[in-house]
Amino acid sequence: MLTALLTISLSACSQKKTDTNMKQKVLVAYFSASGVTKGVAQQLAEVTGGTLHEIRPAQPYTDADLDWRDKQSRSSVEMQDKTSRPAITDKLTNMRDYDVIYVGFPIWWYTCPTIINTFMEAYDFQGKTVIPFATSGGSSIKKACEDLKAAYPNVNWKEGKLLNRTSKKDLEDWVKNL
């Protein structure tokens, strides 16, 4: 009887260890020009238990840089040039440790800002799952997701989501159903 109990206990401990080892490590990487996407990313990191990482431009954007009505503003010029890759700081040295990467950004000109391309091209995403999320004043995330999938076809993309005014419960439901 004692042997049977010991065997069951060891089996349960062994199973628990396997489940823990199978838990995926999550990164929530985001670019936020005005702070809106940052707030969503912080909530998402909390919900997923993921590590939060800001995709930070080497040259911060000023209000003038973000003036989409000015065709000569930095953001307008970058978005018109499909080869634009704004430099980023704080490059991750441990990307290989993550299994799932949420990539967040505001929608600019119906797609993701070119700094997201800089981020995507800075790392090897082989074997990882990448999930885009965005905030927007009025655009959907559809074109951004299509553009990312076309530009990086070898990435294992999951369905992206626009996360404007999203509650913690909405985030939990979305993450659970991915």
N, C-alpha and C. Protein backbone atom coordinates (compact mmCIF):
# COMPACT_ATOMS: atom_id res chain seq x y z
N MET A 1 0.82 -1.19 0.00
CA MET A 1 0.00 0.00 0.00
C MET A 1 0.87 1.26 0.00
N LEU A 2 1.91 1.24 0.83
CA LEU A 2 2.82 2.38 0.90
C LEU A 2 3.52 2.59 -0.44
N THR A 3 3.90 1.51 -1.08
CA THR A 3 4.54 1.59 -2.39
C THR A 3 3.60 2.22 -3.42
N ALA A 4 2.34 1.84 -3.38
CA ALA A 4 1.36 2.39 -4.32
C ALA A 4 1.19 3.89 -4.10
N LEU A 5 1.10 4.32 -2.84
CA LEU A 5 0.98 5.75 -2.55
C LEU A 5 2.21 6.53 -3.00
N LEU A 6 3.39 5.97 -2.76
CA LEU A 6 4.63 6.61 -3.18
C LEU A 6 4.68 6.74 -4.70
N THR A 7 4.29 5.71 -5.40
CA THR A 7 4.28 5.73 -6.87
C THR A 7 3.32 6.79 -7.39
N ILE A 8 2.13 6.87 -6.82
CA ILE A 8 1.15 7.88 -7.23
C ILE A 8 1.68 9.28 -6.95
N SER A 9 2.28 9.49 -5.77
CA SER A 9 2.82 10.81 -5.42
C SER A 9 3.92 11.23 -6.37
N LEU A 10 4.84 10.31 -6.67
CA LEU A 10 5.93 10.63 -7.59
C LEU A 10 5.40 10.91 -8.99
N SER A 11 4.41 10.15 -9.38
CA SER A 11 3.80 10.36 -10.70
C SER A 11 3.15 11.74 -10.77
N ALA A 12 2.44 12.14 -9.72
CA ALA A 12 1.79 13.45 -9.70
C ALA A 12 2.84 14.57 -9.73
N CYS A 13 3.93 14.40 -8.97
CA CYS A 13 4.99 15.41 -8.98
C CYS A 13 5.63 15.50 -10.35
N SER A 14 5.85 14.35 -10.94
CA SER A 14 6.46 14.32 -12.28
C SER A 14 5.56 15.02 -13.29
N GLN A 15 4.25 14.78 -13.22
CA GLN A 15 3.30 15.41 -14.14
C GLN A 15 3.30 16.91 -13.96
N LYS A 16 3.31 17.36 -12.72
CA LYS A 16 3.29 18.79 -12.44
C LYS A 16 4.53 19.46 -13.03
N LYS A 17 5.68 18.83 -12.90
CA LYS A 17 6.92 19.38 -13.44
C LYS A 17 6.85 19.48 -14.96
N THR A 18 6.29 18.47 -15.62
CA THR A 18 6.15 18.49 -17.07
C THR A 18 5.25 19.64 -17.50
N ASP A 19 4.13 19.85 -16.80
CA ASP A 19 3.22 20.94 -17.13
C ASP A 19 3.92 22.29 -17.00
N THR A 20 4.71 22.45 -15.95
CA THR A 20 5.43 23.70 -15.74
C THR A 20 6.43 23.93 -16.86
N ASN A 21 7.14 22.87 -17.25
CA ASN A 21 8.13 23.00 -18.32
C ASN A 21 7.49 23.34 -19.65
N MET A 22 6.22 22.95 -19.84
CA MET A 22 5.55 23.21 -21.10
C MET A 22 4.96 24.61 -21.17
N LYS A 23 4.94 25.33 -20.05
CA LYS A 23 4.39 26.68 -20.05
C LYS A 23 5.21 27.57 -20.97
N GLN A 24 4.52 28.29 -21.83
CA GLN A 24 5.22 29.12 -22.80
C GLN A 24 5.60 30.46 -22.19
N LYS A 25 6.77 30.93 -22.55
CA LYS A 25 7.26 32.23 -22.07
C LYS A 25 6.79 33.31 -23.05
N VAL A 26 6.18 34.35 -22.51
CA VAL A 26 5.52 35.38 -23.31
C VAL A 26 6.25 36.72 -23.21
N LEU A 27 6.35 37.38 -24.37
CA LEU A 27 6.88 38.73 -24.45
C LEU A 27 5.79 39.62 -25.03
N VAL A 28 5.57 40.77 -24.41
CA VAL A 28 4.65 41.77 -24.94
C VAL A 28 5.52 42.96 -25.34
N ALA A 29 5.80 43.06 -26.65
CA ALA A 29 6.62 44.15 -27.18
C ALA A 29 5.68 45.17 -27.81
N TYR A 30 5.95 46.44 -27.58
CA TYR A 30 5.03 47.45 -28.10
C TYR A 30 5.78 48.73 -28.46
N PHE A 31 5.22 49.43 -29.43
CA PHE A 31 5.63 50.80 -29.75
C PHE A 31 4.42 51.67 -29.47
N SER A 32 4.65 52.76 -28.75
CA SER A 32 3.55 53.67 -28.42
C SER A 32 4.03 55.11 -28.59
N ALA A 33 3.37 55.84 -29.44
CA ALA A 33 3.75 57.23 -29.70
C ALA A 33 3.11 58.18 -28.69
N SER A 34 1.89 57.87 -28.25
CA SER A 34 1.17 58.80 -27.38
C SER A 34 0.85 58.21 -26.01
N GLY A 35 1.15 56.95 -25.79
CA GLY A 35 0.87 56.31 -24.50
C GLY A 35 -0.35 55.39 -24.50
N VAL A 36 -1.19 55.47 -25.54
CA VAL A 36 -2.40 54.64 -25.58
C VAL A 36 -2.03 53.16 -25.73
N THR A 37 -1.17 52.85 -26.68
CA THR A 37 -0.76 51.46 -26.90
C THR A 37 0.02 50.94 -25.68
N LYS A 38 0.78 51.80 -25.04
CA LYS A 38 1.53 51.40 -23.84
C LYS A 38 0.57 50.90 -22.76
N GLY A 39 -0.53 51.62 -22.55
CA GLY A 39 -1.50 51.21 -21.53
C GLY A 39 -2.09 49.84 -21.82
N VAL A 40 -2.41 49.58 -23.07
CA VAL A 40 -2.96 48.28 -23.46
C VAL A 40 -1.89 47.19 -23.28
N ALA A 41 -0.66 47.50 -23.68
CA ALA A 41 0.43 46.53 -23.55
C ALA A 41 0.68 46.16 -22.09
N GLN A 42 0.60 47.13 -21.21
CA GLN A 42 0.78 46.86 -19.78
C GLN A 42 -0.30 45.91 -19.27
N GLN A 43 -1.54 46.15 -19.68
CA GLN A 43 -2.64 45.26 -19.28
C GLN A 43 -2.44 43.86 -19.85
N LEU A 44 -2.02 43.79 -21.11
CA LEU A 44 -1.82 42.50 -21.77
C LEU A 44 -0.69 41.72 -21.09
N ALA A 45 0.38 42.40 -20.71
CA ALA A 45 1.47 41.73 -20.01
C ALA A 45 0.99 41.18 -18.67
N GLU A 46 0.14 41.92 -18.00
CA GLU A 46 -0.43 41.47 -16.73
C GLU A 46 -1.29 40.23 -16.94
N VAL A 47 -2.14 40.25 -17.95
CA VAL A 47 -3.05 39.13 -18.23
C VAL A 47 -2.28 37.88 -18.63
N THR A 48 -1.25 38.04 -19.44
CA THR A 48 -0.50 36.89 -19.95
C THR A 48 0.63 36.44 -19.02
N GLY A 49 0.98 37.28 -18.07
CA GLY A 49 2.16 36.99 -17.24
C GLY A 49 3.44 37.20 -18.02
N GLY A 50 3.34 37.95 -19.11
CA GLY A 50 4.47 38.16 -20.01
C GLY A 50 5.38 39.28 -19.56
N THR A 51 6.54 39.30 -20.18
CA THR A 51 7.52 40.36 -19.97
C THR A 51 7.17 41.53 -20.88
N LEU A 52 7.18 42.72 -20.36
CA LEU A 52 6.86 43.93 -21.12
C LEU A 52 8.15 44.51 -21.69
N HIS A 53 8.11 44.85 -22.99
CA HIS A 53 9.28 45.46 -23.65
C HIS A 53 8.83 46.57 -24.58
N GLU A 54 9.34 47.77 -24.36
CA GLU A 54 9.00 48.89 -25.23
C GLU A 54 9.93 48.91 -26.44
N ILE A 55 9.33 48.99 -27.62
CA ILE A 55 10.09 49.19 -28.85
C ILE A 55 10.31 50.70 -28.92
N ARG A 56 11.50 51.10 -28.55
CA ARG A 56 11.79 52.52 -28.35
C ARG A 56 12.62 53.06 -29.51
N PRO A 57 12.15 54.13 -30.16
CA PRO A 57 12.93 54.72 -31.25
C PRO A 57 14.21 55.36 -30.71
N ALA A 58 15.31 55.21 -31.44
CA ALA A 58 16.56 55.84 -31.04
C ALA A 58 16.39 57.36 -30.98
N GLN A 59 15.61 57.89 -31.89
CA GLN A 59 15.28 59.32 -31.89
C GLN A 59 13.79 59.42 -31.54
N PRO A 60 13.48 59.85 -30.33
CA PRO A 60 12.07 59.93 -29.93
C PRO A 60 11.26 60.83 -30.87
N TYR A 61 9.99 60.50 -31.00
CA TYR A 61 9.09 61.29 -31.84
C TYR A 61 8.59 62.50 -31.06
N THR A 62 8.62 63.65 -31.70
CA THR A 62 8.06 64.87 -31.12
C THR A 62 6.62 65.00 -31.62
N ASP A 63 5.89 65.95 -31.06
CA ASP A 63 4.53 66.21 -31.54
C ASP A 63 4.56 66.61 -33.02
N ALA A 64 5.55 67.40 -33.40
CA ALA A 64 5.67 67.81 -34.81
C ALA A 64 5.94 66.60 -35.70
N ASP A 65 6.74 65.66 -35.22
CA ASP A 65 7.04 64.44 -35.99
C ASP A 65 5.78 63.63 -36.24
N LEU A 66 4.84 63.69 -35.33
CA LEU A 66 3.62 62.87 -35.40
C LEU A 66 2.46 63.57 -36.09
N ASP A 67 2.67 64.77 -36.62
CA ASP A 67 1.60 65.52 -37.27
C ASP A 67 1.29 64.92 -38.64
N TRP A 68 0.30 64.05 -38.68
CA TRP A 68 -0.04 63.33 -39.91
C TRP A 68 -0.58 64.25 -40.99
N ARG A 69 -1.01 65.46 -40.63
CA ARG A 69 -1.52 66.41 -41.62
C ARG A 69 -0.38 67.10 -42.38
N ASP A 70 0.84 67.06 -41.82
CA ASP A 70 2.01 67.67 -42.44
C ASP A 70 2.74 66.59 -43.26
N LYS A 71 2.70 66.71 -44.56
CA LYS A 71 3.31 65.71 -45.44
C LYS A 71 4.83 65.63 -45.27
N GLN A 72 5.42 66.64 -44.63
CA GLN A 72 6.87 66.65 -44.40
C GLN A 72 7.24 66.22 -42.98
N SER A 73 6.24 65.87 -42.17
CA SER A 73 6.55 65.43 -40.80
C SER A 73 7.29 64.10 -40.87
N ARG A 74 8.03 63.82 -39.85
CA ARG A 74 8.82 62.58 -39.81
C ARG A 74 7.96 61.33 -40.02
N SER A 75 6.83 61.25 -39.33
CA SER A 75 5.99 60.06 -39.47
C SER A 75 5.43 59.95 -40.88
N SER A 76 5.04 61.07 -41.48
CA SER A 76 4.52 61.05 -42.86
C SER A 76 5.58 60.58 -43.84
N VAL A 77 6.79 61.10 -43.69
CA VAL A 77 7.89 60.72 -44.58
C VAL A 77 8.22 59.24 -44.41
N GLU A 78 8.30 58.76 -43.15
CA GLU A 78 8.59 57.35 -42.91
C GLU A 78 7.53 56.44 -43.51
N MET A 79 6.28 56.81 -43.35
CA MET A 79 5.20 55.96 -43.82
C MET A 79 5.08 55.96 -45.35
N GLN A 80 5.56 57.00 -46.00
CA GLN A 80 5.56 57.04 -47.47
C GLN A 80 6.68 56.20 -48.05
N ASP A 81 7.73 55.96 -47.26
CA ASP A 81 8.89 55.20 -47.73
C ASP A 81 8.82 53.78 -47.16
N LYS A 82 8.44 52.82 -47.97
CA LYS A 82 8.27 51.43 -47.51
C LYS A 82 9.58 50.80 -47.03
N THR A 83 10.72 51.41 -47.37
CA THR A 83 12.01 50.88 -46.92
C THR A 83 12.49 51.54 -45.63
N SER A 84 11.72 52.48 -45.10
CA SER A 84 12.10 53.18 -43.88
C SER A 84 12.18 52.19 -42.71
N ARG A 85 13.28 52.27 -41.98
CA ARG A 85 13.47 51.44 -40.79
C ARG A 85 14.07 52.30 -39.69
N PRO A 86 13.23 53.03 -38.95
CA PRO A 86 13.75 53.86 -37.87
C PRO A 86 14.55 53.03 -36.86
N ALA A 87 15.67 53.55 -36.43
CA ALA A 87 16.53 52.83 -35.48
C ALA A 87 15.81 52.68 -34.14
N ILE A 88 16.09 51.56 -33.48
CA ILE A 88 15.52 51.32 -32.15
C ILE A 88 16.64 51.14 -31.13
N THR A 89 16.30 51.41 -29.87
CA THR A 89 17.25 51.22 -28.77
C THR A 89 16.77 50.05 -27.92
N ASP A 90 17.53 49.72 -26.91
CA ASP A 90 17.15 48.68 -25.95
C ASP A 90 16.83 47.35 -26.61
N LYS A 91 17.72 46.92 -27.51
CA LYS A 91 17.51 45.65 -28.19
C LYS A 91 17.57 44.49 -27.18
N LEU A 92 16.64 43.58 -27.32
CA LEU A 92 16.59 42.40 -26.44
C LEU A 92 17.75 41.46 -26.74
N THR A 93 18.38 40.95 -25.72
CA THR A 93 19.46 39.98 -25.90
C THR A 93 18.98 38.56 -25.66
N ASN A 94 17.73 38.43 -25.18
CA ASN A 94 17.22 37.10 -24.84
C ASN A 94 15.96 36.72 -25.63
N MET A 95 15.82 37.20 -26.84
CA MET A 95 14.62 36.88 -27.63
C MET A 95 14.44 35.37 -27.78
N ARG A 96 15.53 34.65 -27.83
CA ARG A 96 15.45 33.19 -28.00
C ARG A 96 14.69 32.52 -26.85
N ASP A 97 14.57 33.20 -25.71
CA ASP A 97 13.90 32.63 -24.54
C ASP A 97 12.38 32.65 -24.65
N TYR A 98 11.83 33.43 -25.58
CA TYR A 98 10.38 33.61 -25.66
C TYR A 98 9.76 32.70 -26.71
N ASP A 99 8.57 32.21 -26.40
CA ASP A 99 7.83 31.33 -27.30
C ASP A 99 6.73 32.09 -28.03
N VAL A 100 6.09 33.02 -27.32
CA VAL A 100 4.97 33.80 -27.85
C VAL A 100 5.31 35.27 -27.71
N ILE A 101 5.18 36.00 -28.82
CA ILE A 101 5.47 37.43 -28.82
C ILE A 101 4.24 38.19 -29.30
N TYR A 102 3.69 39.01 -28.44
CA TYR A 102 2.64 39.94 -28.82
C TYR A 102 3.35 41.21 -29.28
N VAL A 103 2.99 41.73 -30.45
CA VAL A 103 3.62 42.94 -30.98
C VAL A 103 2.53 44.00 -31.12
N GLY A 104 2.66 45.09 -30.36
CA GLY A 104 1.64 46.12 -30.35
C GLY A 104 2.10 47.44 -30.93
N PHE A 105 1.15 48.16 -31.50
CA PHE A 105 1.47 49.42 -32.16
C PHE A 105 0.19 50.21 -32.42
N PRO A 106 0.33 51.53 -32.61
CA PRO A 106 -0.81 52.32 -33.08
C PRO A 106 -0.92 52.14 -34.59
N ILE A 107 -2.12 52.24 -35.11
CA ILE A 107 -2.30 52.19 -36.57
C ILE A 107 -1.94 53.55 -37.14
N TRP A 108 -1.03 53.55 -38.11
CA TRP A 108 -0.64 54.76 -38.83
C TRP A 108 -0.92 54.50 -40.30
N TRP A 109 -1.64 55.36 -40.94
CA TRP A 109 -1.92 55.24 -42.37
C TRP A 109 -2.45 53.83 -42.68
N TYR A 110 -3.34 53.34 -41.85
CA TYR A 110 -4.05 52.07 -42.01
C TYR A 110 -3.17 50.83 -41.79
N THR A 111 -1.94 51.01 -41.34
CA THR A 111 -1.05 49.87 -41.14
C THR A 111 -0.17 50.12 -39.91
N CYS A 112 0.85 49.29 -39.73
CA CYS A 112 1.74 49.49 -38.58
C CYS A 112 2.85 50.48 -38.93
N PRO A 113 3.33 51.23 -37.95
CA PRO A 113 4.44 52.14 -38.20
C PRO A 113 5.68 51.37 -38.66
N THR A 114 6.52 52.03 -39.44
CA THR A 114 7.70 51.34 -39.99
C THR A 114 8.68 50.88 -38.92
N ILE A 115 8.60 51.44 -37.74
CA ILE A 115 9.48 50.99 -36.65
C ILE A 115 9.17 49.53 -36.28
N ILE A 116 7.97 49.07 -36.56
CA ILE A 116 7.62 47.66 -36.31
C ILE A 116 8.42 46.76 -37.25
N ASN A 117 8.65 47.22 -38.48
CA ASN A 117 9.50 46.45 -39.40
C ASN A 117 10.93 46.37 -38.86
N THR A 118 11.41 47.47 -38.28
CA THR A 118 12.74 47.44 -37.67
C THR A 118 12.80 46.35 -36.61
N PHE A 119 11.78 46.30 -35.77
CA PHE A 119 11.72 45.28 -34.71
C PHE A 119 11.66 43.87 -35.30
N MET A 120 10.79 43.67 -36.28
CA MET A 120 10.64 42.33 -36.87
C MET A 120 11.93 41.85 -37.54
N GLU A 121 12.68 42.77 -38.10
CA GLU A 121 13.92 42.40 -38.81
C GLU A 121 15.13 42.30 -37.88
N ALA A 122 14.96 42.68 -36.62
CA ALA A 122 16.07 42.66 -35.67
C ALA A 122 16.23 41.30 -34.99
N TYR A 123 15.25 40.41 -35.13
CA TYR A 123 15.26 39.15 -34.40
C TYR A 123 14.89 37.98 -35.30
N ASP A 124 15.21 36.78 -34.81
CA ASP A 124 14.83 35.54 -35.48
C ASP A 124 13.55 35.03 -34.82
N PHE A 125 12.47 34.97 -35.57
CA PHE A 125 11.19 34.54 -35.04
C PHE A 125 10.87 33.08 -35.37
N GLN A 126 11.84 32.35 -35.86
CA GLN A 126 11.62 30.94 -36.20
C GLN A 126 11.22 30.17 -34.93
N GLY A 127 10.14 29.40 -35.05
CA GLY A 127 9.66 28.59 -33.94
C GLY A 127 8.84 29.37 -32.91
N LYS A 128 8.59 30.63 -33.18
CA LYS A 128 7.83 31.45 -32.24
C LYS A 128 6.46 31.78 -32.83
N THR A 129 5.52 32.07 -31.96
CA THR A 129 4.20 32.52 -32.38
C THR A 129 4.15 34.03 -32.15
N VAL A 130 3.74 34.77 -33.18
CA VAL A 130 3.68 36.23 -33.09
C VAL A 130 2.23 36.68 -33.28
N ILE A 131 1.78 37.53 -32.36
CA ILE A 131 0.39 37.97 -32.35
C ILE A 131 0.36 39.50 -32.32
N PRO A 132 -0.09 40.12 -33.41
CA PRO A 132 -0.16 41.58 -33.42
C PRO A 132 -1.39 42.10 -32.66
N PHE A 133 -1.23 43.27 -32.06
CA PHE A 133 -2.36 43.99 -31.49
C PHE A 133 -2.13 45.47 -31.73
N ALA A 134 -3.21 46.22 -31.79
CA ALA A 134 -3.07 47.63 -32.14
C ALA A 134 -4.13 48.48 -31.45
N THR A 135 -3.87 49.78 -31.48
CA THR A 135 -4.84 50.78 -31.07
C THR A 135 -5.01 51.73 -32.25
N SER A 136 -6.18 52.35 -32.32
CA SER A 136 -6.43 53.24 -33.45
C SER A 136 -7.57 54.19 -33.14
N GLY A 137 -7.48 55.37 -33.76
CA GLY A 137 -8.55 56.33 -33.62
C GLY A 137 -9.73 56.03 -34.52
N GLY A 138 -9.57 55.14 -35.49
CA GLY A 138 -10.69 54.86 -36.38
C GLY A 138 -10.44 53.76 -37.40
N SER A 139 -9.21 53.30 -37.54
CA SER A 139 -8.89 52.26 -38.52
C SER A 139 -8.95 50.88 -37.90
N SER A 140 -9.12 49.87 -38.73
CA SER A 140 -9.07 48.49 -38.25
C SER A 140 -7.63 48.01 -38.29
N ILE A 141 -7.39 46.81 -37.79
CA ILE A 141 -6.06 46.21 -37.80
C ILE A 141 -5.85 45.33 -39.03
N LYS A 142 -6.89 45.14 -39.82
CA LYS A 142 -6.85 44.19 -40.93
C LYS A 142 -5.68 44.42 -41.89
N LYS A 143 -5.52 45.64 -42.39
CA LYS A 143 -4.45 45.90 -43.35
C LYS A 143 -3.08 45.72 -42.72
N ALA A 144 -2.93 46.13 -41.47
CA ALA A 144 -1.66 45.96 -40.77
C ALA A 144 -1.28 44.48 -40.70
N CYS A 145 -2.25 43.64 -40.36
CA CYS A 145 -1.99 42.19 -40.28
C CYS A 145 -1.64 41.62 -41.65
N GLU A 146 -2.37 42.04 -42.66
CA GLU A 146 -2.06 41.58 -44.03
C GLU A 146 -0.66 42.02 -44.44
N ASP A 147 -0.29 43.25 -44.15
CA ASP A 147 1.03 43.76 -44.50
C ASP A 147 2.13 43.00 -43.77
N LEU A 148 1.93 42.73 -42.49
CA LEU A 148 2.94 41.99 -41.72
C LEU A 148 3.11 40.57 -42.25
N LYS A 149 2.00 39.91 -42.52
CA LYS A 149 2.06 38.54 -43.05
C LYS A 149 2.75 38.50 -44.41
N ALA A 150 2.50 39.49 -45.24
CA ALA A 150 3.13 39.55 -46.57
C ALA A 150 4.63 39.84 -46.45
N ALA A 151 5.00 40.73 -45.54
CA ALA A 151 6.41 41.10 -45.38
C ALA A 151 7.22 40.01 -44.70
N TYR A 152 6.59 39.26 -43.82
CA TYR A 152 7.30 38.23 -43.03
C TYR A 152 6.52 36.91 -43.10
N PRO A 153 6.51 36.28 -44.28
CA PRO A 153 5.67 35.09 -44.48
C PRO A 153 6.14 33.86 -43.69
N ASN A 154 7.37 33.85 -43.23
CA ASN A 154 7.88 32.69 -42.50
C ASN A 154 7.59 32.74 -41.00
N VAL A 155 6.95 33.82 -40.56
CA VAL A 155 6.59 33.95 -39.15
C VAL A 155 5.27 33.23 -38.91
N ASN A 156 5.17 32.57 -37.78
CA ASN A 156 3.93 31.89 -37.38
C ASN A 156 3.00 32.94 -36.75
N TRP A 157 2.19 33.58 -37.59
CA TRP A 157 1.28 34.63 -37.15
C TRP A 157 -0.01 34.05 -36.61
N LYS A 158 -0.52 34.63 -35.55
CA LYS A 158 -1.88 34.37 -35.07
C LYS A 158 -2.72 35.61 -35.37
N GLU A 159 -4.02 35.44 -35.34
CA GLU A 159 -4.94 36.53 -35.63
C GLU A 159 -4.70 37.72 -34.72
N GLY A 160 -4.53 38.89 -35.32
CA GLY A 160 -4.33 40.12 -34.57
C GLY A 160 -5.65 40.70 -34.11
N LYS A 161 -5.57 41.68 -33.21
CA LYS A 161 -6.80 42.28 -32.68
C LYS A 161 -6.57 43.76 -32.38
N LEU A 162 -7.58 44.54 -32.69
CA LEU A 162 -7.60 45.95 -32.32
C LEU A 162 -8.09 46.02 -30.88
N LEU A 163 -7.33 46.68 -30.01
CA LEU A 163 -7.63 46.66 -28.58
C LEU A 163 -7.91 48.06 -28.04
N ASN A 164 -8.84 48.76 -28.66
CA ASN A 164 -9.25 50.06 -28.15
C ASN A 164 -10.20 49.87 -26.97
N ARG A 165 -9.98 50.62 -25.91
CA ARG A 165 -10.87 50.61 -24.75
C ARG A 165 -11.26 49.18 -24.35
N THR A 166 -10.28 48.33 -24.24
CA THR A 166 -10.51 46.93 -23.93
C THR A 166 -10.39 46.69 -22.43
N SER A 167 -11.33 45.95 -21.89
CA SER A 167 -11.29 45.63 -20.46
C SER A 167 -10.34 44.45 -20.22
N LYS A 168 -9.98 44.28 -18.96
CA LYS A 168 -9.12 43.16 -18.59
C LYS A 168 -9.82 41.84 -18.93
N LYS A 169 -11.11 41.77 -18.71
CA LYS A 169 -11.88 40.55 -19.03
C LYS A 169 -11.83 40.27 -20.53
N ASP A 170 -11.99 41.31 -21.36
CA ASP A 170 -11.89 41.13 -22.82
C ASP A 170 -10.52 40.59 -23.22
N LEU A 171 -9.46 41.13 -22.59
CA LEU A 171 -8.11 40.65 -22.88
C LEU A 171 -7.94 39.19 -22.46
N GLU A 172 -8.45 38.86 -21.28
CA GLU A 172 -8.37 37.48 -20.80
C GLU A 172 -9.07 36.53 -21.76
N ASP A 173 -10.26 36.92 -22.22
CA ASP A 173 -11.01 36.08 -23.16
C ASP A 173 -10.27 35.93 -24.49
N TRP A 174 -9.72 37.02 -25.00
CA TRP A 174 -8.99 36.97 -26.26
C TRP A 174 -7.78 36.05 -26.15
N VAL A 175 -6.99 36.23 -25.10
CA VAL A 175 -5.78 35.42 -24.91
C VAL A 175 -6.13 33.95 -24.75
N LYS A 176 -7.18 33.68 -23.99
CA LYS A 176 -7.60 32.28 -23.76
C LYS A 176 -8.04 31.60 -25.06
N ASN A 177 -8.62 32.36 -25.96
CA ASN A 177 -9.17 31.78 -27.20
C ASN A 177 -8.21 31.79 -28.39
N LEU A 178 -6.99 32.23 -28.18
CA LEU A 178 -6.02 32.24 -29.29
C LEU A 178 -5.58 30.84 -29.65
